[in-house]
Amino acid sequence: MVPPEASSRDLLLAAARDVFTAKGLHAARITDITDGAGVAAGSFYTYFSSKEEIFAAVVRRLRTSALRHVPTEPPTSAAEVEPWIHQTVENWVSALVDNAAQWMAINVAALGDEQVRDTLREQADPFAEALRAAFGTWIENGWIDPGVPCDVAVDAVVAMSEQAVSHWFYLDESKPSVEFAIEQLTHAWIAILRVDVPAPEGEAGDV
């Protein structure tokens, strides 16, 4: 919901998010966005030079909002890495589910347009940067496998999570539970990062 005191730029971004979600990047028109925002068509160019630029701004806003889902307290030992991952995934998946249709529109646009892919690659991703810093610290401390390529791991967990949630909660009519998504993605992150998760009590000596 856009607050009453929102600027024209905020109104345009909110409308663009809805238009891109409903129509996709290529079918969307600038007039669809300005009509949805309730602003004059000419005012669009005060803030954005093209449809592609406002699309990139919508993605940037979504990515920036994801940053708040990184726990503020970093792990202080190897034993705290797995719970930190679970909490991050739980927070982030809950937010992704709420925006599943938007992420699907972004993925579809990126698949069909090299310019969009280039724009997204060049764009800073605060959430990915926070993960990169965390993973790098864990590697330095020996908490995860030092053979894990940090940049590749970040790209993998971010892309996999966004696409999985888009598919499960936008395309899949059966729609798994959020709890299922959290558990599956937590296991996937742990596997990608090669986190050594202690066996549950009573299983350590099992053969």
Protein backbone atom coordinates (compact mmCIF):
# COMPACT_ATOMS: atom_id res chain seq x y z
CA MET A 1 0.00 0.00 0.00
CA VAL A 2 1.33 3.43 -0.98
CA PRO A 3 1.10 6.08 1.78
CA PRO A 4 -0.98 9.21 1.01
CA GLU A 5 2.10 11.45 1.11
CA ALA A 6 3.97 9.30 -1.43
CA SER A 7 5.89 11.14 -4.14
CA SER A 8 5.11 10.75 -7.82
CA ARG A 9 8.19 8.55 -8.12
CA ASP A 10 6.90 6.23 -5.38
CA LEU A 11 3.49 6.11 -7.05
CA LEU A 12 5.10 5.22 -10.38
CA LEU A 13 7.19 2.47 -8.78
CA ALA A 14 4.17 0.95 -7.02
CA ALA A 15 2.13 1.05 -10.22
CA ALA A 16 5.01 -0.38 -12.27
CA ARG A 17 5.34 -3.29 -9.87
CA ASP A 18 1.66 -4.14 -10.35
CA VAL A 19 1.74 -3.65 -14.13
CA PHE A 20 4.88 -5.75 -14.62
CA THR A 21 3.40 -8.48 -12.43
CA ALA A 22 0.15 -8.53 -14.40
CA LYS A 23 1.52 -8.06 -17.93
CA GLY A 24 5.23 -8.76 -17.85
CA LEU A 25 7.92 -6.36 -18.97
CA HIS A 26 7.40 -6.57 -22.72
CA ALA A 27 3.61 -6.24 -22.80
CA ALA A 28 3.56 -3.41 -20.27
CA ARG A 29 3.26 0.14 -21.58
CA ILE A 30 4.42 3.33 -19.94
CA THR A 31 0.85 4.63 -20.13
CA ASP A 32 -0.28 1.58 -18.14
CA ILE A 33 2.14 2.65 -15.42
CA THR A 34 1.21 6.33 -15.40
CA ASP A 35 -2.51 5.50 -15.47
CA GLY A 36 -2.03 3.13 -12.54
CA ALA A 37 -0.08 5.77 -10.65
CA GLY A 38 -2.65 8.46 -11.39
CA VAL A 39 -0.02 10.87 -12.72
CA ALA A 40 0.37 12.71 -16.02
CA ALA A 41 2.04 10.64 -18.75
CA GLY A 42 4.77 13.23 -19.26
CA SER A 43 5.81 13.15 -15.62
CA PHE A 44 7.17 9.61 -16.09
CA TYR A 45 10.25 11.01 -17.83
CA THR A 46 11.02 13.29 -14.91
CA TYR A 47 12.07 10.19 -12.98
CA PHE A 48 12.81 7.45 -15.52
CA SER A 49 14.17 7.43 -19.04
CA SER A 50 12.52 4.19 -20.15
CA LYS A 51 10.36 1.24 -19.20
CA GLU A 52 13.51 -0.79 -18.66
CA GLU A 53 14.88 1.74 -16.19
CA ILE A 54 11.79 1.68 -13.99
CA PHE A 55 11.78 -2.12 -14.20
CA ALA A 56 15.34 -2.12 -12.85
CA ALA A 57 14.25 0.27 -10.08
CA VAL A 58 11.40 -2.06 -9.10
CA VAL A 59 13.85 -4.96 -8.88
CA ARG A 60 16.29 -2.86 -6.85
CA ARG A 61 13.54 -1.98 -4.37
CA LEU A 62 12.57 -5.64 -3.98
CA ARG A 63 16.19 -6.65 -3.49
CA THR A 64 16.82 -3.89 -0.97
CA SER A 65 13.76 -4.89 1.03
CA ALA A 66 15.21 -8.41 1.28
CA LEU A 67 18.18 -7.05 3.24
CA ARG A 68 16.08 -6.58 6.37
CA HIS A 69 15.60 -10.35 6.51
CA VAL A 70 19.25 -11.00 7.31
CA PRO A 71 19.58 -11.52 11.09
CA THR A 72 21.35 -8.56 12.67
CA GLU A 73 23.37 -10.78 15.02
CA PRO A 74 26.00 -12.75 13.06
CA PRO A 75 27.11 -16.21 14.20
CA THR A 76 29.91 -16.23 16.77
CA SER A 77 30.81 -19.90 16.34
CA ALA A 78 30.48 -22.76 13.86
CA ALA A 79 27.59 -24.14 15.90
CA GLU A 80 25.55 -21.00 15.20
CA VAL A 81 25.92 -21.11 11.41
CA GLU A 82 23.11 -23.61 10.74
CA PRO A 83 20.56 -21.79 12.98
CA TRP A 84 21.55 -18.48 11.31
CA ILE A 85 20.93 -19.98 7.87
CA HIS A 86 17.57 -21.37 8.97
CA GLN A 87 16.49 -18.01 10.41
CA THR A 88 17.61 -16.13 7.30
CA VAL A 89 15.80 -18.55 5.00
CA GLU A 90 12.67 -18.45 7.17
CA ASN A 91 12.58 -14.65 7.15
CA TRP A 92 13.38 -14.35 3.46
CA VAL A 93 11.04 -17.08 2.21
CA SER A 94 8.13 -15.48 4.06
CA ALA A 95 8.86 -12.22 2.22
CA LEU A 96 9.39 -13.95 -1.13
CA VAL A 97 6.06 -15.76 -0.84
CA ASP A 98 4.32 -12.40 -0.48
CA ASN A 99 6.04 -11.23 -3.70
CA ALA A 100 6.09 -14.52 -5.64
CA ALA A 101 4.28 -13.07 -8.65
CA GLN A 102 6.72 -10.16 -8.87
CA TRP A 103 9.73 -12.47 -8.75
CA MET A 104 8.19 -14.63 -11.46
CA ALA A 105 7.74 -11.57 -13.68
CA ILE A 106 11.39 -10.64 -13.09
CA ASN A 107 12.62 -14.14 -13.92
CA VAL A 108 10.54 -14.32 -17.10
CA ALA A 109 11.78 -10.91 -18.25
CA ALA A 110 15.39 -11.88 -17.57
CA LEU A 111 15.06 -15.14 -19.49
CA GLY A 112 13.70 -13.39 -22.57
CA ASP A 113 15.82 -10.25 -22.74
CA GLU A 114 19.61 -10.02 -22.70
CA GLN A 115 19.45 -6.31 -21.86
CA VAL A 116 17.41 -7.08 -18.75
CA ARG A 117 19.87 -9.79 -17.73
CA ASP A 118 22.77 -7.38 -18.14
CA THR A 119 20.96 -4.72 -16.11
CA LEU A 120 20.25 -7.15 -13.28
CA ARG A 121 23.84 -8.43 -13.26
CA GLU A 122 25.24 -4.90 -13.07
CA GLN A 123 22.82 -3.81 -10.37
CA ALA A 124 23.99 -3.91 -6.77
CA ASP A 125 22.10 -6.42 -4.63
CA PRO A 126 22.32 -5.45 -0.92
CA PHE A 127 20.99 -8.82 0.21
CA ALA A 128 23.57 -10.71 -1.83
CA GLU A 129 26.32 -8.41 -0.53
CA ALA A 130 25.29 -9.16 3.07
CA LEU A 131 25.39 -12.89 2.36
CA ARG A 132 28.76 -12.55 0.62
CA ALA A 133 30.21 -10.83 3.70
CA ALA A 134 28.78 -13.50 6.02
CA PHE A 135 29.96 -16.44 3.91
CA GLY A 136 33.42 -14.91 3.55
CA THR A 137 33.74 -14.59 7.33
CA TRP A 138 32.67 -18.19 7.82
CA ILE A 139 35.29 -19.39 5.33
CA GLU A 140 38.00 -17.33 7.06
CA ASN A 141 37.00 -18.77 10.43
CA GLY A 142 36.93 -22.32 9.11
CA TRP A 143 33.23 -22.72 9.89
CA ILE A 144 32.37 -23.90 6.37
CA ASP A 145 34.39 -25.69 3.70
CA PRO A 146 37.15 -23.31 2.50
CA GLY A 147 36.79 -24.83 -0.96
CA VAL A 148 33.39 -23.18 -1.39
CA PRO A 149 33.62 -20.38 -4.01
CA CYS A 150 31.95 -17.54 -2.12
CA ASP A 151 30.56 -15.62 -5.12
CA VAL A 152 29.22 -18.79 -6.73
CA ALA A 153 27.59 -19.86 -3.46
CA VAL A 154 25.84 -16.49 -3.06
CA ASP A 155 24.57 -16.52 -6.65
CA ALA A 156 23.37 -20.10 -6.22
CA VAL A 157 21.41 -19.65 -2.99
CA VAL A 158 19.82 -16.36 -4.11
CA ALA A 159 18.80 -17.54 -7.60
CA MET A 160 17.65 -20.95 -6.40
CA SER A 161 15.53 -19.50 -3.60
CA GLU A 162 13.88 -16.83 -5.76
CA GLN A 163 13.06 -19.27 -8.55
CA ALA A 164 11.89 -22.06 -6.25
CA VAL A 165 9.51 -19.78 -4.37
CA SER A 166 8.22 -18.27 -7.64
CA HIS A 167 7.49 -21.75 -8.97
CA TRP A 168 6.02 -23.22 -5.78
CA PHE A 169 3.79 -20.31 -4.87
CA TYR A 170 2.91 -18.84 -8.27
CA LEU A 171 2.93 -21.67 -10.83
CA ASP A 172 2.32 -24.78 -8.74
CA GLU A 173 -1.40 -25.17 -8.08
CA SER A 174 -0.74 -27.53 -5.17
CA LYS A 175 1.33 -24.83 -3.38
CA PRO A 176 3.43 -26.50 -0.68
CA SER A 177 3.39 -25.11 2.83
CA VAL A 178 5.72 -22.26 3.70
CA GLU A 179 7.26 -24.56 6.32
CA PHE A 180 8.10 -27.10 3.58
CA ALA A 181 9.76 -24.39 1.48
CA ILE A 182 11.79 -23.17 4.45
CA GLU A 183 13.03 -26.65 5.34
CA GLN A 184 13.89 -27.62 1.76
CA LEU A 185 15.76 -24.40 1.06
CA THR A 186 17.58 -24.52 4.39
CA HIS A 187 18.85 -28.01 3.49
CA ALA A 188 19.86 -26.75 0.03
CA TRP A 189 21.80 -23.78 1.46
CA ILE A 190 23.59 -26.08 3.90
CA ALA A 191 24.52 -28.46 1.07
CA ILE A 192 25.80 -25.66 -1.18
CA LEU A 193 27.88 -24.17 1.63
CA ARG A 194 28.99 -27.62 2.85
CA VAL A 195 28.08 -26.79 6.42
CA ASP A 196 29.03 -29.51 8.88
CA VAL A 197 25.75 -29.92 10.76
CA PRO A 198 26.10 -31.94 14.00
CA ALA A 199 24.04 -35.13 14.11
CA PRO A 200 21.03 -35.05 16.47
CA GLU A 201 21.64 -36.44 19.94
CA GLY A 202 21.48 -40.20 19.99
CA GLU A 203 22.62 -40.55 16.37
CA ALA A 204 26.30 -39.68 16.69
CA GLY A 205 27.34 -43.27 17.33
CA ASP A 206 24.81 -44.94 15.05
CA VAL A 207 26.17 -47.18 12.32
